[in-house]
Amino acid sequence: MSDKALGSQQEIITGYVDQLIHELRQRSERSEVIDMVRWFNFTSFDILGDLAFGESFGCLGSGLMHPWIELIFTSIKSVMDMQIIRRVPGLFSLILAIAGLQQKQDLQEQFMFCQKKARERYTKETTRPDFRTLFYLLKNSMAMQKLRQEIHATFQAEAEITMRSTQSMEYLHAVLQEAMRVYPPVPCTFPRTTPPGGAMVCGRFVPGGYIVGVNQLAAMTSEKNFKDPLKFIPERWCGDERYQEDSRKAYQPFSYGPRNCLGKK
């Protein structure tokens, strides 16, 4: 999706952000304990639902996760387990044989759900934050204070905060980049298969048909690539001379190339 296409959806995205703030304020006034992780997820999936299907999943309004989304989270959590199980001879095939029928049924249900929502989307008009970052800001009061100062210096009212107006906020982007460096969104690798004739990977020849990948967490918290790798220091993205030798090429939280993750926008 291009920047222009994303810009055309700004009103939709801003509407859900406003709804999130409204819900949080109401609960704060009642002195409720708020699970920020869950509410950020509500917002993300309501936005995705609206953009993809023309209607949200209703998470923000109900304060509950849609059952289909719960299934997605369950599947994501099992990815790392399955990568380990694959390395035990025969165990992966056995588990697939046992769970195959249920898995097939779950996939069919997901497909039918998407198909139903997509069809509904076609009949409608076509003009229609990250919790880990918050965690690190709460743990680093100086970074939080600098970000607040930048926000207050840039905006006089909430209505001024838009996708376009935040593009020039250097420290805000530094905070987001550093949070994703210290704790990348995807804990595993982005696997690629070498072509039949093999390929040169990091200066070494890898035969064809091999699966290769770079572990995000290992690469972005390695002393070989970043100074003070385990520390949350947004200033490294703002030209701080202490971090001029950091290997920026190792920072690829959204994968690399023309098919990198849309979330980068």
C-alpha atoms as a PDB file:
ATOM      1  CA  MET A   1       0.000   0.000   0.000  1.00  0.00           C
ATOM      2  CA  SER A   2       1.419   3.392  -1.015  1.00  0.00           C
ATOM      3  CA  ASP A   3       1.727   6.481   1.180  1.00  0.00           C
ATOM      4  CA  LYS A   4      -1.078   8.058  -0.863  1.00  0.00           C
ATOM      5  CA  ALA A   5      -3.353   5.063  -0.264  1.00  0.00           C
ATOM      6  CA  LEU A   6      -2.601   5.113   3.458  1.00  0.00           C
ATOM      7  CA  GLY A   7      -3.261   8.845   3.574  1.00  0.00           C
ATOM      8  CA  SER A   8      -6.704   8.297   2.075  1.00  0.00           C
ATOM      9  CA  GLN A   9      -7.519   5.986   5.005  1.00  0.00           C
ATOM     10  CA  GLN A  10      -6.382   8.469   7.650  1.00  0.00           C
ATOM     11  CA  GLU A  11      -9.913   9.389   8.731  1.00  0.00           C
ATOM     12  CA  ILE A  12     -10.705   5.733   9.456  1.00  0.00           C
ATOM     13  CA  ILE A  13      -7.490   5.174  11.408  1.00  0.00           C
ATOM     14  CA  THR A  14      -7.841   8.413  13.378  1.00  0.00           C
ATOM     15  CA  GLY A  15     -11.418   7.484  14.280  1.00  0.00           C
ATOM     16  CA  TYR A  16     -10.307   4.282  15.984  1.00  0.00           C
ATOM     17  CA  VAL A  17      -7.447   6.043  17.773  1.00  0.00           C
ATOM     18  CA  ASP A  18      -9.960   8.591  19.095  1.00  0.00           C
ATOM     19  CA  GLN A  19     -12.219   5.743  20.211  1.00  0.00           C
ATOM     20  CA  LEU A  20      -9.290   4.123  22.030  1.00  0.00           C
ATOM     21  CA  ILE A  21      -8.527   7.361  23.889  1.00  0.00           C
ATOM     22  CA  HIS A  22     -12.220   7.738  24.787  1.00  0.00           C
ATOM     23  CA  GLU A  23     -12.411   4.200  26.200  1.00  0.00           C
ATOM     24  CA  LEU A  24      -9.181   4.631  28.177  1.00  0.00           C
ATOM     25  CA  ARG A  25     -10.350   7.932  29.670  1.00  0.00           C
ATOM     26  CA  GLN A  26     -13.657   6.427  30.766  1.00  0.00           C
ATOM     27  CA  ARG A  27     -11.919   3.534  32.500  1.00  0.00           C
ATOM     28  CA  SER A  28      -9.326   5.819  34.073  1.00  0.00           C
ATOM     29  CA  GLU A  29     -12.078   7.973  35.565  1.00  0.00           C
ATOM     30  CA  ARG A  30     -13.483   4.807  37.164  1.00  0.00           C
ATOM     31  CA  SER A  31      -9.981   3.933  38.454  1.00  0.00           C
ATOM     32  CA  GLU A  32     -10.046   0.636  36.568  1.00  0.00           C
ATOM     33  CA  VAL A  33      -6.902  -1.400  35.941  1.00  0.00           C
ATOM     34  CA  ILE A  34      -6.219  -1.217  32.193  1.00  0.00           C
ATOM     35  CA  ASP A  35      -4.387  -3.885  30.206  1.00  0.00           C
ATOM     36  CA  MET A  36      -2.718  -1.652  27.606  1.00  0.00           C
ATOM     37  CA  VAL A  37      -1.493  -4.606  25.555  1.00  0.00           C
ATOM     38  CA  ARG A  38      -5.050  -5.814  25.064  1.00  0.00           C
ATOM     39  CA  TRP A  39      -6.408  -2.365  24.193  1.00  0.00           C
ATOM     40  CA  PHE A  40      -3.663  -1.706  21.655  1.00  0.00           C
ATOM     41  CA  ASN A  41      -4.535  -5.042  20.079  1.00  0.00           C
ATOM     42  CA  PHE A  42      -8.229  -4.092  20.034  1.00  0.00           C
ATOM     43  CA  THR A  43      -7.337  -0.916  18.134  1.00  0.00           C
ATOM     44  CA  SER A  44      -5.023  -2.629  15.648  1.00  0.00           C
ATOM     45  CA  PHE A  45      -7.500  -5.329  14.701  1.00  0.00           C
ATOM     46  CA  ASP A  46     -10.478  -2.970  14.507  1.00  0.00           C
ATOM     47  CA  ILE A  47      -8.469  -0.861  12.041  1.00  0.00           C
ATOM     48  CA  LEU A  48      -7.388  -3.913  10.056  1.00  0.00           C
ATOM     49  CA  GLY A  49     -10.949  -5.219   9.966  1.00  0.00           C
ATOM     50  CA  ASP A  50     -12.281  -1.931   8.645  1.00  0.00           C
ATOM     51  CA  LEU A  51      -9.582  -1.584   5.992  1.00  0.00           C
ATOM     52  CA  ALA A  52      -9.869  -5.193   4.832  1.00  0.00           C
ATOM     53  CA  PHE A  53     -13.581  -5.944   5.249  1.00  0.00           C
ATOM     54  CA  GLY A  54     -15.241  -2.544   5.549  1.00  0.00           C
ATOM     55  CA  GLU A  55     -16.226  -3.087   9.200  1.00  0.00           C
ATOM     56  CA  SER A  56     -14.341  -3.462  12.448  1.00  0.00           C
ATOM     57  CA  PHE A  57     -14.281  -6.527  14.652  1.00  0.00           C
ATOM     58  CA  GLY A  58     -16.000  -4.461  17.373  1.00  0.00           C
ATOM     59  CA  CYS A  59     -13.232  -5.013  19.905  1.00  0.00           C
ATOM     60  CA  LEU A  60     -13.007  -1.410  21.134  1.00  0.00           C
ATOM     61  CA  GLY A  61     -16.760  -1.114  21.555  1.00  0.00           C
ATOM     62  CA  SER A  62     -17.205  -4.401  23.395  1.00  0.00           C
ATOM     63  CA  GLY A  63     -13.914  -4.503  25.283  1.00  0.00           C
ATOM     64  CA  LEU A  64     -13.570  -8.117  24.120  1.00  0.00           C
ATOM     65  CA  MET A  65     -11.385  -9.870  21.567  1.00  0.00           C
ATOM     66  CA  HIS A  66     -13.192 -11.363  18.577  1.00  0.00           C
ATOM     67  CA  PRO A  67     -13.012 -15.211  18.671  1.00  0.00           C
ATOM     68  CA  TRP A  68     -11.381 -15.323  15.249  1.00  0.00           C
ATOM     69  CA  ILE A  69      -8.606 -12.994  16.426  1.00  0.00           C
ATOM     70  CA  GLU A  70      -8.083 -15.078  19.556  1.00  0.00           C
ATOM     71  CA  LEU A  71      -7.434 -17.989  17.203  1.00  0.00           C
ATOM     72  CA  ILE A  72      -4.796 -15.945  15.380  1.00  0.00           C
ATOM     73  CA  PHE A  73      -2.940 -15.216  18.630  1.00  0.00           C
ATOM     74  CA  THR A  74      -3.070 -18.886  19.573  1.00  0.00           C
ATOM     75  CA  SER A  75      -1.577 -19.783  16.197  1.00  0.00           C
ATOM     76  CA  ILE A  76       1.204 -17.194  16.517  1.00  0.00           C
ATOM     77  CA  LYS A  77       2.233 -18.515  19.919  1.00  0.00           C
ATOM     78  CA  SER A  78       2.606 -21.999  18.485  1.00  0.00           C
ATOM     79  CA  VAL A  79       5.021 -20.947  15.722  1.00  0.00           C
ATOM     80  CA  MET A  80       8.156 -21.179  17.855  1.00  0.00           C
ATOM     81  CA  ASP A  81       7.061 -24.505  19.337  1.00  0.00           C
ATOM     82  CA  MET A  82       6.522 -25.942  15.877  1.00  0.00           C
ATOM     83  CA  GLN A  83       9.963 -24.798  14.727  1.00  0.00           C
ATOM     84  CA  ILE A  84      11.499 -26.764  17.602  1.00  0.00           C
ATOM     85  CA  ILE A  85       9.301 -29.814  17.032  1.00  0.00           C
ATOM     86  CA  ARG A  86      10.296 -29.913  13.346  1.00  0.00           C
ATOM     87  CA  ARG A  87      13.833 -30.749  14.437  1.00  0.00           C
ATOM     88  CA  VAL A  88      12.759 -33.930  16.251  1.00  0.00           C
ATOM     89  CA  PRO A  89      12.613 -36.745  13.647  1.00  0.00           C
ATOM     90  CA  GLY A  90       9.101 -38.142  13.221  1.00  0.00           C
ATOM     91  CA  LEU A  91       7.491 -36.009  15.930  1.00  0.00           C
ATOM     92  CA  PHE A  92       6.208 -33.299  13.587  1.00  0.00           C
ATOM     93  CA  SER A  93       4.551 -35.838  11.267  1.00  0.00           C
ATOM     94  CA  LEU A  94       2.952 -37.580  14.242  1.00  0.00           C
ATOM     95  CA  ILE A  95       1.479 -34.338  15.592  1.00  0.00           C
ATOM     96  CA  LEU A  96       0.136 -33.406  12.148  1.00  0.00           C
ATOM     97  CA  ALA A  97      -1.487 -36.827  11.810  1.00  0.00           C
ATOM     98  CA  ILE A  98      -3.168 -36.480  15.207  1.00  0.00           C
ATOM     99  CA  ALA A  99      -4.234 -32.853  14.782  1.00  0.00           C
ATOM    100  CA  GLY A 100      -4.774 -32.905  11.027  1.00  0.00           C
ATOM    101  CA  LEU A 101      -8.562 -33.220  11.048  1.00  0.00           C
ATOM    102  CA  GLN A 102      -9.084 -30.418  13.573  1.00  0.00           C
ATOM    103  CA  GLN A 103      -6.550 -28.220  11.790  1.00  0.00           C
ATOM    104  CA  LYS A 104      -8.361 -28.726   8.481  1.00  0.00           C
ATOM    105  CA  GLN A 105     -11.667 -27.804  10.106  1.00  0.00           C
ATOM    106  CA  ASP A 106     -10.156 -24.659  11.677  1.00  0.00           C
ATOM    107  CA  LEU A 107      -8.680 -23.593   8.331  1.00  0.00           C
ATOM    108  CA  GLN A 108     -12.023 -24.114   6.602  1.00  0.00           C
ATOM    109  CA  GLU A 109     -13.784 -22.010   9.227  1.00  0.00           C
ATOM    110  CA  GLN A 110     -11.210 -19.219   8.845  1.00  0.00           C
ATOM    111  CA  PHE A 111     -11.526 -19.293   5.046  1.00  0.00           C
ATOM    112  CA  MET A 112     -15.325 -19.151   5.201  1.00  0.00           C
ATOM    113  CA  PHE A 113     -15.177 -16.248   7.669  1.00  0.00           C
ATOM    114  CA  CYS A 114     -12.812 -14.265   5.400  1.00  0.00           C
ATOM    115  CA  GLN A 115     -14.881 -15.089   2.332  1.00  0.00           C
ATOM    116  CA  LYS A 116     -18.080 -13.910   4.034  1.00  0.00           C
ATOM    117  CA  LYS A 117     -16.506 -10.642   5.189  1.00  0.00           C
ATOM    118  CA  ALA A 118     -14.900 -10.014   1.806  1.00  0.00           C
ATOM    119  CA  ARG A 119     -18.241 -10.431   0.047  1.00  0.00           C
ATOM    120  CA  GLU A 120     -19.852  -8.006   2.473  1.00  0.00           C
ATOM    121  CA  ARG A 121     -17.019  -5.583   1.789  1.00  0.00           C
ATOM    122  CA  TYR A 122     -17.674  -5.658  -1.953  1.00  0.00           C
ATOM    123  CA  THR A 123     -21.248  -4.458  -1.420  1.00  0.00           C
ATOM    124  CA  LYS A 124     -20.138  -1.323   0.461  1.00  0.00           C
ATOM    125  CA  GLU A 125     -18.691   2.004  -0.590  1.00  0.00           C
ATOM    126  CA  THR A 126     -14.957   1.919  -1.291  1.00  0.00           C
ATOM    127  CA  THR A 127     -14.189   5.343   0.144  1.00  0.00           C
ATOM    128  CA  ARG A 128     -14.497   4.351   3.346  1.00  0.00           C
ATOM    129  CA  PRO A 129       0.797   1.965  18.920  1.00  0.00           C
ATOM    130  CA  ASP A 130       2.772  -0.357  20.047  1.00  0.00           C
ATOM    131  CA  PHE A 131       2.681  -1.578  23.708  1.00  0.00           C
ATOM    132  CA  ARG A 132       6.365  -2.498  23.833  1.00  0.00           C
ATOM    133  CA  THR A 133       7.250   1.114  23.042  1.00  0.00           C
ATOM    134  CA  LEU A 134       5.039   2.259  25.918  1.00  0.00           C
ATOM    135  CA  PHE A 135       6.748  -0.245  28.242  1.00  0.00           C
ATOM    136  CA  TYR A 136      10.222   1.108  27.460  1.00  0.00           C
ATOM    137  CA  LEU A 137       9.060   4.704  27.803  1.00  0.00           C
ATOM    138  CA  LEU A 138       7.601   3.976  31.240  1.00  0.00           C
ATOM    139  CA  LYS A 139      10.912   2.365  32.217  1.00  0.00           C
ATOM    140  CA  ASN A 140      12.936   5.342  30.925  1.00  0.00           C
ATOM    141  CA  SER A 141      11.628   8.592  32.364  1.00  0.00           C
ATOM    142  CA  MET A 142      14.164  10.770  30.512  1.00  0.00           C
ATOM    143  CA  ALA A 143      13.086   9.392  27.136  1.00  0.00           C
ATOM    144  CA  MET A 144       9.431   9.827  28.101  1.00  0.00           C
ATOM    145  CA  GLN A 145      10.056  13.441  29.098  1.00  0.00           C
ATOM    146  CA  LYS A 146      11.878  14.236  25.841  1.00  0.00           C
ATOM    147  CA  LEU A 147       9.056  12.719  23.810  1.00  0.00           C
ATOM    148  CA  ARG A 148       6.418  14.673  25.731  1.00  0.00           C
ATOM    149  CA  GLN A 149       8.359  17.884  25.158  1.00  0.00           C
ATOM    150  CA  GLU A 150       8.509  17.205  21.417  1.00  0.00           C
ATOM    151  CA  ILE A 151       4.770  16.473  21.276  1.00  0.00           C
ATOM    152  CA  HIS A 152       3.808  19.610  23.226  1.00  0.00           C
ATOM    153  CA  ALA A 153       6.171  21.740  21.132  1.00  0.00           C
ATOM    154  CA  THR A 154       4.689  20.405  17.889  1.00  0.00           C
ATOM    155  CA  PHE A 155       0.958  20.392  18.638  1.00  0.00           C
ATOM    156  CA  GLN A 156      -1.425  22.757  20.368  1.00  0.00           C
ATOM    157  CA  ALA A 157      -4.505  20.499  20.157  1.00  0.00           C
ATOM    158  CA  GLU A 158      -5.320  16.810  19.683  1.00  0.00           C
ATOM    159  CA  ALA A 159      -6.982  17.494  16.338  1.00  0.00           C
ATOM    160  CA  GLU A 160      -3.620  18.587  14.907  1.00  0.00           C
ATOM    161  CA  ILE A 161      -2.140  15.105  15.390  1.00  0.00           C
ATOM    162  CA  THR A 162      -2.384  13.256  12.080  1.00  0.00           C
ATOM    163  CA  MET A 163      -0.354  10.697  10.133  1.00  0.00           C
ATOM    164  CA  ARG A 164       1.163  13.466   8.031  1.00  0.00           C
ATOM    165  CA  SER A 165       1.887  15.909  10.864  1.00  0.00           C
ATOM    166  CA  THR A 166       3.836  13.321  12.862  1.00  0.00           C
ATOM    167  CA  GLN A 167       6.221  12.533   9.983  1.00  0.00           C
ATOM    168  CA  SER A 168       8.620  15.320  10.980  1.00  0.00           C
ATOM    169  CA  MET A 169       8.853  14.309  14.655  1.00  0.00           C
ATOM    170  CA  GLU A 170      12.425  13.041  14.898  1.00  0.00           C
ATOM    171  CA  TYR A 171      12.390  11.847  18.499  1.00  0.00           C
ATOM    172  CA  LEU A 172       9.036  10.072  18.136  1.00  0.00           C
ATOM    173  CA  HIS A 173      10.412   8.039  15.239  1.00  0.00           C
ATOM    174  CA  ALA A 174      13.629   7.383  17.164  1.00  0.00           C
ATOM    175  CA  VAL A 175      11.616   5.992  20.083  1.00  0.00           C
ATOM    176  CA  LEU A 176       9.645   3.678  17.792  1.00  0.00           C
ATOM    177  CA  GLN A 177      12.786   2.487  15.997  1.00  0.00           C
ATOM    178  CA  GLU A 178      14.648   1.801  19.222  1.00  0.00           C
ATOM    179  CA  ALA A 179      11.742  -0.114  20.751  1.00  0.00           C
ATOM    180  CA  MET A 180      11.576  -2.379  17.704  1.00  0.00           C
ATOM    181  CA  ARG A 181      15.343  -2.850  17.770  1.00  0.00           C
ATOM    182  CA  VAL A 182      15.489  -3.928  21.415  1.00  0.00           C
ATOM    183  CA  TYR A 183      12.348  -6.045  21.106  1.00  0.00           C
ATOM    184  CA  PRO A 184      11.573  -6.832  17.438  1.00  0.00           C
ATOM    185  CA  PRO A 185       7.939  -7.593  16.494  1.00  0.00           C
ATOM    186  CA  VAL A 186       8.780 -11.042  15.096  1.00  0.00           C
ATOM    187  CA  PRO A 187      10.858 -13.279  17.411  1.00  0.00           C
ATOM    188  CA  CYS A 188      11.843 -15.796  14.735  1.00  0.00           C
ATOM    189  CA  THR A 189      13.500 -15.591  11.323  1.00  0.00           C
ATOM    190  CA  PHE A 190      12.055 -14.595   7.956  1.00  0.00           C
ATOM    191  CA  PRO A 191      13.047 -17.776   6.092  1.00  0.00           C
ATOM    192  CA  ARG A 192      14.072 -17.850   2.458  1.00  0.00           C
ATOM    193  CA  THR A 193      14.968 -20.863   0.298  1.00  0.00           C
ATOM    194  CA  THR A 194      18.110 -20.693  -1.804  1.00  0.00           C
ATOM    195  CA  PRO A 195      17.615 -21.155  -5.571  1.00  0.00           C
ATOM    196  CA  PRO A 196      18.492 -24.474  -7.257  1.00  0.00           C
ATOM    197  CA  GLY A 197      21.957 -23.246  -8.211  1.00  0.00           C
ATOM    198  CA  GLY A 198      22.754 -22.059  -4.698  1.00  0.00           C
ATOM    199  CA  ALA A 199      23.513 -18.524  -3.520  1.00  0.00           C
ATOM    200  CA  MET A 200      26.137 -16.446  -1.739  1.00  0.00           C
ATOM    201  CA  VAL A 201      24.882 -15.515   1.735  1.00  0.00           C
ATOM    202  CA  CYS A 202      27.058 -13.237   3.882  1.00  0.00           C
ATOM    203  CA  GLY A 203      30.107 -14.171   1.852  1.00  0.00           C
ATOM    204  CA  ARG A 204      29.509 -17.914   2.011  1.00  0.00           C
ATOM    205  CA  PHE A 205      28.138 -20.231  -0.652  1.00  0.00           C
ATOM    206  CA  VAL A 206      24.923 -22.037   0.352  1.00  0.00           C
ATOM    207  CA  PRO A 207      23.745 -24.936  -1.860  1.00  0.00           C
ATOM    208  CA  GLY A 208      20.325 -24.833  -3.491  1.00  0.00           C
ATOM    209  CA  GLY A 209      17.225 -25.844  -1.576  1.00  0.00           C
ATOM    210  CA  TYR A 210      18.491 -24.754   1.847  1.00  0.00           C
ATOM    211  CA  ILE A 211      16.376 -22.580   4.136  1.00  0.00           C
ATOM    212  CA  VAL A 212      18.244 -19.532   5.412  1.00  0.00           C
ATOM    213  CA  GLY A 213      17.235 -16.622   7.600  1.00  0.00           C
ATOM    214  CA  VAL A 214      18.411 -14.014  10.086  1.00  0.00           C
ATOM    215  CA  ASN A 215      17.105 -14.088  13.636  1.00  0.00           C
ATOM    216  CA  GLN A 216      15.799 -10.594  14.332  1.00  0.00           C
ATOM    217  CA  LEU A 217      16.450 -10.510  18.062  1.00  0.00           C
ATOM    218  CA  ALA A 218      19.980 -11.902  17.735  1.00  0.00           C
ATOM    219  CA  ALA A 219      20.951  -9.486  14.959  1.00  0.00           C
ATOM    220  CA  MET A 220      19.561  -6.341  16.552  1.00  0.00           C
ATOM    221  CA  THR A 221      20.898  -6.988  20.065  1.00  0.00           C
ATOM    222  CA  SER A 222      24.377  -8.097  19.001  1.00  0.00           C
ATOM    223  CA  GLU A 223      27.427  -6.079  20.047  1.00  0.00           C
ATOM    224  CA  LYS A 224      28.758  -6.672  16.537  1.00  0.00           C
ATOM    225  CA  ASN A 225      25.983  -4.477  15.163  1.00  0.00           C
ATOM    226  CA  PHE A 226      25.051  -2.031  17.934  1.00  0.00           C
ATOM    227  CA  LYS A 227      26.827  -0.349  20.819  1.00  0.00           C
ATOM    228  CA  ASP A 228      25.082  -0.888  24.183  1.00  0.00           C
ATOM    229  CA  PRO A 229      22.767  -3.340  22.382  1.00  0.00           C
ATOM    230  CA  LEU A 230      20.515  -4.183  25.319  1.00  0.00           C
ATOM    231  CA  LYS A 231      19.923  -0.573  26.379  1.00  0.00           C
ATOM    232  CA  PHE A 232      16.952   1.501  25.217  1.00  0.00           C
ATOM    233  CA  ILE A 233      18.626   4.610  23.773  1.00  0.00           C
ATOM    234  CA  PRO A 234      16.521   6.465  21.160  1.00  0.00           C
ATOM    235  CA  GLU A 235      19.334   8.994  20.712  1.00  0.00           C
ATOM    236  CA  ARG A 236      21.263   6.456  18.626  1.00  0.00           C
ATOM    237  CA  TRP A 237      18.784   7.260  15.810  1.00  0.00           C
ATOM    238  CA  CYS A 238      19.185  11.033  16.228  1.00  0.00           C
ATOM    239  CA  GLY A 239      22.819  11.376  15.178  1.00  0.00           C
ATOM    240  CA  ASP A 240      24.427  10.818  18.597  1.00  0.00           C
ATOM    241  CA  GLU A 241      28.175  10.484  17.893  1.00  0.00           C
ATOM    242  CA  ARG A 242      28.530   7.630  20.386  1.00  0.00           C
ATOM    243  CA  TYR A 243      26.519   5.391  18.063  1.00  0.00           C
ATOM    244  CA  GLN A 244      27.872   6.417  14.656  1.00  0.00           C
ATOM    245  CA  GLU A 245      29.447   2.987  14.193  1.00  0.00           C
ATOM    246  CA  ASP A 246      26.150   1.117  14.643  1.00  0.00           C
ATOM    247  CA  SER A 247      25.319  -1.145  11.695  1.00  0.00           C
ATOM    248  CA  ARG A 248      21.988   0.258  10.526  1.00  0.00           C
ATOM    249  CA  LYS A 249      21.721  -2.477   7.879  1.00  0.00           C
ATOM    250  CA  ALA A 250      21.153  -4.984  10.688  1.00  0.00           C
ATOM    251  CA  TYR A 251      17.935  -3.149  11.608  1.00  0.00           C
ATOM    252  CA  GLN A 252      15.219  -4.859   9.539  1.00  0.00           C
ATOM    253  CA  PRO A 253      12.169  -5.388  11.820  1.00  0.00           C
ATOM    254  CA  PHE A 254       9.806  -5.373   8.830  1.00  0.00           C
ATOM    255  CA  SER A 255      11.886  -7.747   6.713  1.00  0.00           C
ATOM    256  CA  TYR A 256      13.523  -6.480   3.529  1.00  0.00           C
ATOM    257  CA  GLY A 257      12.692  -5.829  -0.097  1.00  0.00           C
ATOM    258  CA  PRO A 258       9.522  -5.028  -2.081  1.00  0.00           C
ATOM    259  CA  ARG A 259       7.438  -7.490  -0.050  1.00  0.00           C
ATOM    260  CA  ASN A 260       8.364  -6.159   3.365  1.00  0.00           C
ATOM    261  CA  CYS A 261       5.656  -5.730   5.992  1.00  0.00           C
ATOM    262  CA  LEU A 262       2.953  -3.113   5.355  1.00  0.00           C
ATOM    263  CA  GLY A 263       3.169  -2.194   9.060  1.00  0.00           C
ATOM    264  CA  LYS A 264       6.344  -0.239   8.275  1.00  0.00           C
ATOM    265  CA  LYS A 265       4.166   2.567   6.900  1.00  0.00           C
END
